[in-house]
């Protein structure tokens, strides 16, 4: 089982490239033979997507943004006051959505990530932790 800062990871992912924007993926793929332009664009896009990671443990939600220069937002699960999942029709069809998380110490959304796989699972894990539900290990 994967661990993060000594805790068991309940969820780890980054925004899905293909499911989030299939038209862009196809365009870049078509442009690969054109002097490698599509490959350069796809690699740049991959770094941007991979750089936005969400890690959930039983204790906290951590949003890491960036690959080379990074910023990190950590929110204790017990301090989360709101979790919002937004999915358009086509996003529901492919299993992605926007996740927004706010803590008791802020007015707005501290974590806001588009194109995350399994947004309902993310909300479920956070709500289980917030409401003190125990899980079987």
N, C-alpha and C. Protein backbone atom coordinates (compact mmCIF):
# COMPACT_ATOMS: atom_id res chain seq x y z
N UNK A 1 0.85 -1.18 0.00
CA UNK A 1 0.00 0.00 0.00
C UNK A 1 0.89 1.24 0.00
N UNK A 2 0.56 2.18 -0.83
CA UNK A 2 1.31 3.44 -0.93
C UNK A 2 1.11 4.26 0.35
N UNK A 3 2.20 4.93 0.76
CA UNK A 3 2.15 5.77 1.96
C UNK A 3 2.58 7.18 1.60
N UNK A 4 2.03 8.15 2.31
CA UNK A 4 2.36 9.56 2.11
C UNK A 4 2.55 10.18 3.48
N UNK A 5 3.73 10.67 3.76
CA UNK A 5 4.08 11.27 5.05
C UNK A 5 3.68 10.36 6.21
N UNK A 6 3.94 9.07 6.06
CA UNK A 6 3.68 8.10 7.11
C UNK A 6 2.26 7.57 7.19
N UNK A 7 1.33 8.11 6.39
CA UNK A 7 -0.06 7.67 6.42
C UNK A 7 -0.41 6.88 5.17
N UNK A 8 -1.35 5.97 5.31
CA UNK A 8 -1.81 5.18 4.17
C UNK A 8 -2.59 6.08 3.22
N UNK A 9 -2.25 6.02 1.95
CA UNK A 9 -2.92 6.83 0.93
C UNK A 9 -4.25 6.17 0.55
N UNK A 10 -5.33 6.93 0.68
CA UNK A 10 -6.66 6.44 0.32
C UNK A 10 -7.01 6.80 -1.12
N UNK A 11 -6.40 7.87 -1.64
CA UNK A 11 -6.65 8.31 -3.01
C UNK A 11 -5.45 9.12 -3.47
N UNK A 12 -5.01 8.85 -4.70
CA UNK A 12 -3.94 9.63 -5.33
C UNK A 12 -4.24 9.70 -6.81
N UNK A 13 -4.29 10.91 -7.34
CA UNK A 13 -4.50 11.04 -8.78
C UNK A 13 -4.19 12.46 -9.22
N UNK A 14 -4.16 12.63 -10.52
CA UNK A 14 -4.02 13.93 -11.14
C UNK A 14 -5.04 14.01 -12.26
N UNK A 15 -5.32 15.21 -12.78
CA UNK A 15 -6.36 15.35 -13.81
C UNK A 15 -6.09 14.44 -15.01
N UNK A 16 -7.14 13.86 -15.52
CA UNK A 16 -7.06 12.99 -16.68
C UNK A 16 -6.89 13.83 -17.95
N UNK A 17 -5.91 13.48 -18.76
CA UNK A 17 -5.68 14.26 -19.99
C UNK A 17 -6.72 13.93 -21.05
N UNK A 18 -6.81 12.66 -21.42
CA UNK A 18 -7.68 12.29 -22.54
C UNK A 18 -9.15 12.52 -22.21
N UNK A 19 -9.59 12.05 -21.04
CA UNK A 19 -11.00 12.19 -20.69
C UNK A 19 -11.39 13.63 -20.45
N UNK A 20 -10.45 14.46 -20.01
CA UNK A 20 -10.73 15.86 -19.72
C UNK A 20 -10.83 16.70 -20.99
N UNK A 21 -10.02 16.37 -22.01
CA UNK A 21 -10.01 17.17 -23.24
C UNK A 21 -9.61 16.28 -24.42
N UNK A 22 -10.51 15.40 -24.86
CA UNK A 22 -10.15 14.48 -25.95
C UNK A 22 -9.84 15.18 -27.27
N UNK A 23 -10.47 16.31 -27.54
CA UNK A 23 -10.20 17.03 -28.79
C UNK A 23 -8.76 17.54 -28.82
N UNK A 24 -8.29 18.10 -27.72
CA UNK A 24 -6.91 18.58 -27.66
C UNK A 24 -5.93 17.42 -27.79
N UNK A 25 -6.22 16.32 -27.11
CA UNK A 25 -5.35 15.15 -27.18
C UNK A 25 -5.24 14.67 -28.62
N UNK A 26 -6.35 14.58 -29.30
CA UNK A 26 -6.35 14.13 -30.70
C UNK A 26 -5.60 15.11 -31.59
N UNK A 27 -5.80 16.41 -31.41
CA UNK A 27 -5.08 17.41 -32.20
C UNK A 27 -3.58 17.29 -32.00
N UNK A 28 -3.13 17.20 -30.77
CA UNK A 28 -1.70 17.07 -30.50
C UNK A 28 -1.14 15.79 -31.10
N UNK A 29 -1.92 14.71 -31.01
CA UNK A 29 -1.49 13.43 -31.58
C UNK A 29 -1.33 13.54 -33.09
N UNK A 30 -2.26 14.22 -33.74
CA UNK A 30 -2.18 14.42 -35.19
C UNK A 30 -0.98 15.29 -35.56
N UNK A 31 -0.65 16.24 -34.71
CA UNK A 31 0.46 17.17 -34.99
C UNK A 31 1.85 16.58 -34.72
N UNK A 32 1.94 15.38 -34.16
CA UNK A 32 3.24 14.79 -33.87
C UNK A 32 4.12 14.69 -35.12
N UNK A 33 3.59 14.22 -36.27
CA UNK A 33 4.46 14.16 -37.46
C UNK A 33 4.89 15.54 -37.98
N UNK A 34 4.19 16.60 -37.61
CA UNK A 34 4.52 17.95 -38.08
C UNK A 34 5.68 18.51 -37.27
N UNK A 35 6.88 18.06 -37.60
CA UNK A 35 8.12 18.52 -36.95
C UNK A 35 8.10 18.30 -35.43
N UNK A 36 7.35 17.35 -34.98
CA UNK A 36 7.32 17.04 -33.55
C UNK A 36 6.56 18.05 -32.71
N UNK A 37 5.89 18.99 -33.35
CA UNK A 37 5.18 20.04 -32.61
C UNK A 37 4.14 19.44 -31.67
N UNK A 38 3.43 18.44 -32.13
CA UNK A 38 2.41 17.81 -31.29
C UNK A 38 3.02 17.12 -30.08
N UNK A 39 4.20 16.52 -30.26
CA UNK A 39 4.87 15.86 -29.15
C UNK A 39 5.30 16.87 -28.09
N UNK A 40 5.84 17.99 -28.53
CA UNK A 40 6.24 19.04 -27.59
C UNK A 40 5.02 19.56 -26.82
N UNK A 41 3.93 19.81 -27.54
CA UNK A 41 2.71 20.30 -26.88
C UNK A 41 2.15 19.26 -25.92
N UNK A 42 2.19 17.98 -26.33
CA UNK A 42 1.64 16.92 -25.48
C UNK A 42 2.48 16.75 -24.21
N UNK A 43 3.80 16.80 -24.34
CA UNK A 43 4.67 16.68 -23.17
C UNK A 43 4.45 17.85 -22.22
N UNK A 44 4.33 19.05 -22.74
CA UNK A 44 4.06 20.23 -21.92
C UNK A 44 2.73 20.08 -21.18
N UNK A 45 1.71 19.62 -21.89
CA UNK A 45 0.40 19.40 -21.30
C UNK A 45 0.46 18.31 -20.22
N UNK A 46 1.23 17.25 -20.49
CA UNK A 46 1.36 16.16 -19.53
C UNK A 46 1.97 16.69 -18.23
N UNK A 47 3.06 17.49 -18.33
CA UNK A 47 3.69 18.06 -17.14
C UNK A 47 2.70 18.93 -16.37
N UNK A 48 1.90 19.71 -17.09
CA UNK A 48 0.91 20.57 -16.42
C UNK A 48 -0.12 19.73 -15.68
N UNK A 49 -0.59 18.64 -16.30
CA UNK A 49 -1.57 17.77 -15.64
C UNK A 49 -0.95 16.99 -14.49
N UNK A 50 0.21 16.40 -14.72
CA UNK A 50 0.86 15.62 -13.68
C UNK A 50 1.23 16.50 -12.48
N UNK A 51 1.49 17.76 -12.75
CA UNK A 51 1.85 18.68 -11.68
C UNK A 51 0.72 19.01 -10.73
N UNK A 52 -0.51 18.71 -11.07
CA UNK A 52 -1.66 18.95 -10.19
C UNK A 52 -2.09 17.62 -9.59
N UNK A 53 -1.60 17.33 -8.40
CA UNK A 53 -1.87 16.04 -7.78
C UNK A 53 -2.69 16.22 -6.50
N UNK A 54 -3.59 15.29 -6.27
CA UNK A 54 -4.39 15.28 -5.05
C UNK A 54 -4.09 13.99 -4.31
N UNK A 55 -3.72 14.12 -3.04
CA UNK A 55 -3.43 12.96 -2.19
C UNK A 55 -4.36 13.04 -0.99
N UNK A 56 -5.10 11.96 -0.76
CA UNK A 56 -5.99 11.89 0.41
C UNK A 56 -5.51 10.78 1.33
N UNK A 57 -5.34 11.13 2.59
CA UNK A 57 -5.09 10.13 3.63
C UNK A 57 -6.22 10.26 4.64
N UNK A 58 -6.22 9.43 5.65
CA UNK A 58 -7.26 9.52 6.68
C UNK A 58 -7.16 10.84 7.45
N UNK A 59 -5.97 11.45 7.46
CA UNK A 59 -5.76 12.66 8.24
C UNK A 59 -5.88 13.96 7.45
N UNK A 60 -5.46 13.95 6.16
CA UNK A 60 -5.46 15.21 5.43
C UNK A 60 -5.62 15.05 3.93
N UNK A 61 -6.03 16.17 3.33
CA UNK A 61 -6.10 16.30 1.87
C UNK A 61 -4.95 17.20 1.47
N UNK A 62 -4.13 16.75 0.53
CA UNK A 62 -2.97 17.52 0.09
C UNK A 62 -3.06 17.74 -1.41
N UNK A 63 -2.98 19.00 -1.81
CA UNK A 63 -2.99 19.39 -3.22
C UNK A 63 -1.61 19.92 -3.55
N UNK A 64 -0.94 19.25 -4.47
CA UNK A 64 0.41 19.63 -4.87
C UNK A 64 0.32 20.15 -6.30
N UNK A 65 0.81 21.36 -6.50
CA UNK A 65 0.72 21.99 -7.81
C UNK A 65 2.13 22.32 -8.28
N UNK A 66 2.47 21.81 -9.48
CA UNK A 66 3.76 22.08 -10.08
C UNK A 66 4.68 20.88 -10.05
N UNK A 67 5.59 20.84 -11.03
CA UNK A 67 6.56 19.75 -11.11
C UNK A 67 7.93 20.25 -10.66
N UNK A 68 8.39 21.34 -11.24
CA UNK A 68 9.71 21.88 -10.90
C UNK A 68 9.61 22.90 -9.77
N UNK A 69 8.72 23.83 -9.87
CA UNK A 69 8.40 24.77 -8.80
C UNK A 69 7.06 24.34 -8.26
N UNK A 70 7.02 23.96 -7.01
CA UNK A 70 5.78 23.41 -6.46
C UNK A 70 5.22 24.27 -5.33
N UNK A 71 3.91 24.20 -5.22
CA UNK A 71 3.24 24.76 -4.05
C UNK A 71 2.33 23.66 -3.52
N UNK A 72 2.11 23.67 -2.23
CA UNK A 72 1.35 22.60 -1.61
C UNK A 72 0.33 23.19 -0.65
N UNK A 73 -0.90 22.68 -0.72
CA UNK A 73 -1.95 23.05 0.21
C UNK A 73 -2.36 21.80 0.97
N UNK A 74 -2.28 21.85 2.28
CA UNK A 74 -2.68 20.72 3.12
C UNK A 74 -3.84 21.17 4.01
N UNK A 75 -4.87 20.34 4.03
CA UNK A 75 -6.03 20.62 4.87
C UNK A 75 -6.32 19.36 5.68
N UNK A 76 -6.39 19.51 6.98
CA UNK A 76 -6.77 18.36 7.81
C UNK A 76 -8.21 17.98 7.48
N UNK A 77 -8.46 16.71 7.35
CA UNK A 77 -9.81 16.23 7.01
C UNK A 77 -10.82 16.74 8.03
N UNK A 78 -10.46 16.75 9.29
CA UNK A 78 -11.38 17.21 10.34
C UNK A 78 -11.74 18.68 10.18
N UNK A 79 -10.89 19.47 9.50
CA UNK A 79 -11.13 20.90 9.33
C UNK A 79 -11.89 21.24 8.04
N UNK A 80 -12.16 20.26 7.22
CA UNK A 80 -12.87 20.53 5.96
C UNK A 80 -14.33 20.83 6.28
N UNK A 81 -14.80 21.98 5.76
CA UNK A 81 -16.20 22.37 6.00
C UNK A 81 -17.08 22.12 4.79
N UNK A 82 -16.49 22.03 3.59
CA UNK A 82 -17.31 21.83 2.40
C UNK A 82 -16.51 21.12 1.31
N UNK A 83 -17.20 20.20 0.63
CA UNK A 83 -16.65 19.52 -0.55
C UNK A 83 -17.69 19.66 -1.64
N UNK A 84 -17.27 20.17 -2.78
CA UNK A 84 -18.20 20.34 -3.91
C UNK A 84 -17.68 19.54 -5.09
N UNK A 85 -18.57 18.79 -5.71
CA UNK A 85 -18.26 18.06 -6.93
C UNK A 85 -19.14 18.64 -8.02
N UNK A 86 -18.52 19.05 -9.11
CA UNK A 86 -19.26 19.58 -10.25
C UNK A 86 -18.94 18.73 -11.47
N UNK A 87 -19.99 18.22 -12.12
CA UNK A 87 -19.80 17.41 -13.32
C UNK A 87 -20.81 17.84 -14.37
N UNK A 88 -20.32 18.18 -15.56
CA UNK A 88 -21.21 18.39 -16.69
C UNK A 88 -21.62 17.01 -17.20
N UNK A 89 -22.63 16.99 -18.07
CA UNK A 89 -23.14 15.72 -18.57
C UNK A 89 -22.05 14.84 -19.16
N UNK A 90 -21.22 15.41 -20.06
CA UNK A 90 -20.18 14.60 -20.69
C UNK A 90 -19.11 14.18 -19.70
N UNK A 91 -18.86 14.97 -18.66
CA UNK A 91 -17.90 14.59 -17.63
C UNK A 91 -18.40 13.39 -16.84
N UNK A 92 -19.70 13.36 -16.56
CA UNK A 92 -20.29 12.19 -15.88
C UNK A 92 -20.13 10.94 -16.72
N UNK A 93 -20.27 11.10 -18.02
CA UNK A 93 -20.16 9.95 -18.93
C UNK A 93 -18.75 9.34 -18.91
N UNK A 94 -17.72 10.16 -18.72
CA UNK A 94 -16.35 9.65 -18.75
C UNK A 94 -15.72 9.55 -17.35
N UNK A 95 -16.47 9.90 -16.31
CA UNK A 95 -16.02 9.69 -14.94
C UNK A 95 -15.03 10.70 -14.39
N UNK A 96 -15.15 11.96 -14.82
CA UNK A 96 -14.29 13.01 -14.28
C UNK A 96 -15.15 14.15 -13.75
N UNK A 97 -14.52 15.10 -13.06
CA UNK A 97 -15.27 16.26 -12.58
C UNK A 97 -14.35 17.23 -11.86
N UNK A 98 -14.93 18.34 -11.46
CA UNK A 98 -14.21 19.36 -10.71
C UNK A 98 -14.45 19.14 -9.23
N UNK A 99 -13.37 19.17 -8.45
CA UNK A 99 -13.44 19.01 -7.00
C UNK A 99 -13.05 20.34 -6.37
N UNK A 100 -13.86 20.79 -5.43
CA UNK A 100 -13.55 22.00 -4.67
C UNK A 100 -13.65 21.67 -3.19
N UNK A 101 -12.63 22.08 -2.44
CA UNK A 101 -12.58 21.78 -1.01
C UNK A 101 -12.30 23.08 -0.26
N UNK A 102 -13.08 23.32 0.80
CA UNK A 102 -12.89 24.49 1.65
C UNK A 102 -12.75 24.05 3.10
N UNK A 103 -11.90 24.76 3.83
CA UNK A 103 -11.72 24.43 5.23
C UNK A 103 -12.40 25.48 6.10
N UNK A 104 -12.46 25.18 7.39
CA UNK A 104 -13.10 26.09 8.33
C UNK A 104 -12.35 27.41 8.45
N UNK A 105 -11.07 27.44 8.08
CA UNK A 105 -10.29 28.65 8.22
C UNK A 105 -10.24 29.54 7.00
N UNK A 106 -11.10 29.28 6.01
CA UNK A 106 -11.04 30.09 4.78
C UNK A 106 -12.44 30.49 4.33
N UNK A 107 -12.49 31.55 3.52
CA UNK A 107 -13.76 32.00 2.97
C UNK A 107 -14.09 31.33 1.65
N UNK A 108 -13.06 31.01 0.86
CA UNK A 108 -13.28 30.44 -0.47
C UNK A 108 -12.80 29.00 -0.54
N UNK A 109 -12.64 28.54 -1.78
CA UNK A 109 -12.17 27.18 -2.03
C UNK A 109 -10.65 27.17 -1.95
N UNK A 110 -10.11 26.36 -1.09
CA UNK A 110 -8.65 26.25 -0.98
C UNK A 110 -8.09 25.30 -2.02
N UNK A 111 -8.85 24.29 -2.36
CA UNK A 111 -8.44 23.33 -3.39
C UNK A 111 -9.52 23.34 -4.46
N UNK A 112 -9.10 23.52 -5.70
CA UNK A 112 -10.02 23.59 -6.84
C UNK A 112 -9.32 22.94 -8.03
N UNK A 113 -9.71 21.70 -8.36
CA UNK A 113 -9.04 20.95 -9.42
C UNK A 113 -10.08 20.46 -10.42
N UNK A 114 -9.84 20.75 -11.69
CA UNK A 114 -10.72 20.30 -12.77
C UNK A 114 -10.21 18.99 -13.38
N UNK A 115 -11.14 18.19 -13.89
CA UNK A 115 -10.78 16.98 -14.63
C UNK A 115 -10.30 15.82 -13.79
N UNK A 116 -10.68 15.78 -12.50
CA UNK A 116 -10.21 14.70 -11.63
C UNK A 116 -11.03 13.43 -11.83
N UNK A 117 -10.35 12.29 -11.94
CA UNK A 117 -11.06 11.02 -12.05
C UNK A 117 -11.77 10.67 -10.73
N UNK A 118 -12.89 10.02 -10.84
CA UNK A 118 -13.66 9.53 -9.69
C UNK A 118 -13.97 10.60 -8.65
N UNK A 119 -14.61 11.70 -9.05
CA UNK A 119 -14.87 12.76 -8.08
C UNK A 119 -15.80 12.33 -6.94
N UNK A 120 -16.72 11.43 -7.22
CA UNK A 120 -17.60 10.94 -6.17
C UNK A 120 -16.84 10.17 -5.10
N UNK A 121 -15.82 9.43 -5.52
CA UNK A 121 -14.98 8.69 -4.57
C UNK A 121 -14.22 9.65 -3.68
N UNK A 122 -13.73 10.75 -4.25
CA UNK A 122 -13.01 11.75 -3.47
C UNK A 122 -13.93 12.32 -2.39
N UNK A 123 -15.13 12.72 -2.78
CA UNK A 123 -16.10 13.27 -1.82
C UNK A 123 -16.42 12.23 -0.74
N UNK A 124 -16.60 10.98 -1.13
CA UNK A 124 -16.93 9.91 -0.18
C UNK A 124 -15.81 9.72 0.85
N UNK A 125 -14.56 9.67 0.39
CA UNK A 125 -13.43 9.49 1.30
C UNK A 125 -13.35 10.65 2.30
N UNK A 126 -13.51 11.87 1.79
CA UNK A 126 -13.44 13.04 2.68
C UNK A 126 -14.60 13.03 3.67
N UNK A 127 -15.80 12.76 3.20
CA UNK A 127 -16.95 12.76 4.10
C UNK A 127 -16.85 11.66 5.15
N UNK A 128 -16.31 10.51 4.78
CA UNK A 128 -16.09 9.44 5.77
C UNK A 128 -15.16 9.93 6.87
N UNK A 129 -14.09 10.60 6.48
CA UNK A 129 -13.14 11.12 7.47
C UNK A 129 -13.72 12.23 8.31
N UNK A 130 -14.50 13.11 7.69
CA UNK A 130 -15.11 14.24 8.41
C UNK A 130 -16.12 13.77 9.44
N UNK A 131 -16.85 12.72 9.13
CA UNK A 131 -17.92 12.26 10.00
C UNK A 131 -17.48 11.14 10.92
N UNK A 132 -16.17 10.87 10.94
CA UNK A 132 -15.63 9.91 11.88
C UNK A 132 -15.96 8.46 11.58
N UNK A 133 -16.33 8.16 10.32
CA UNK A 133 -16.64 6.77 9.98
C UNK A 133 -15.34 5.96 10.03
N UNK A 134 -15.40 4.83 10.64
CA UNK A 134 -14.19 3.99 10.70
C UNK A 134 -14.18 3.07 9.49
N UNK A 135 -12.97 2.80 9.03
CA UNK A 135 -12.83 1.87 7.90
C UNK A 135 -12.05 0.66 8.34
N UNK A 136 -12.35 -0.46 7.74
CA UNK A 136 -11.66 -1.70 8.04
C UNK A 136 -10.37 -1.75 7.26
N UNK A 137 -9.27 -1.96 7.96
CA UNK A 137 -7.95 -2.06 7.29
C UNK A 137 -7.61 -3.47 6.97
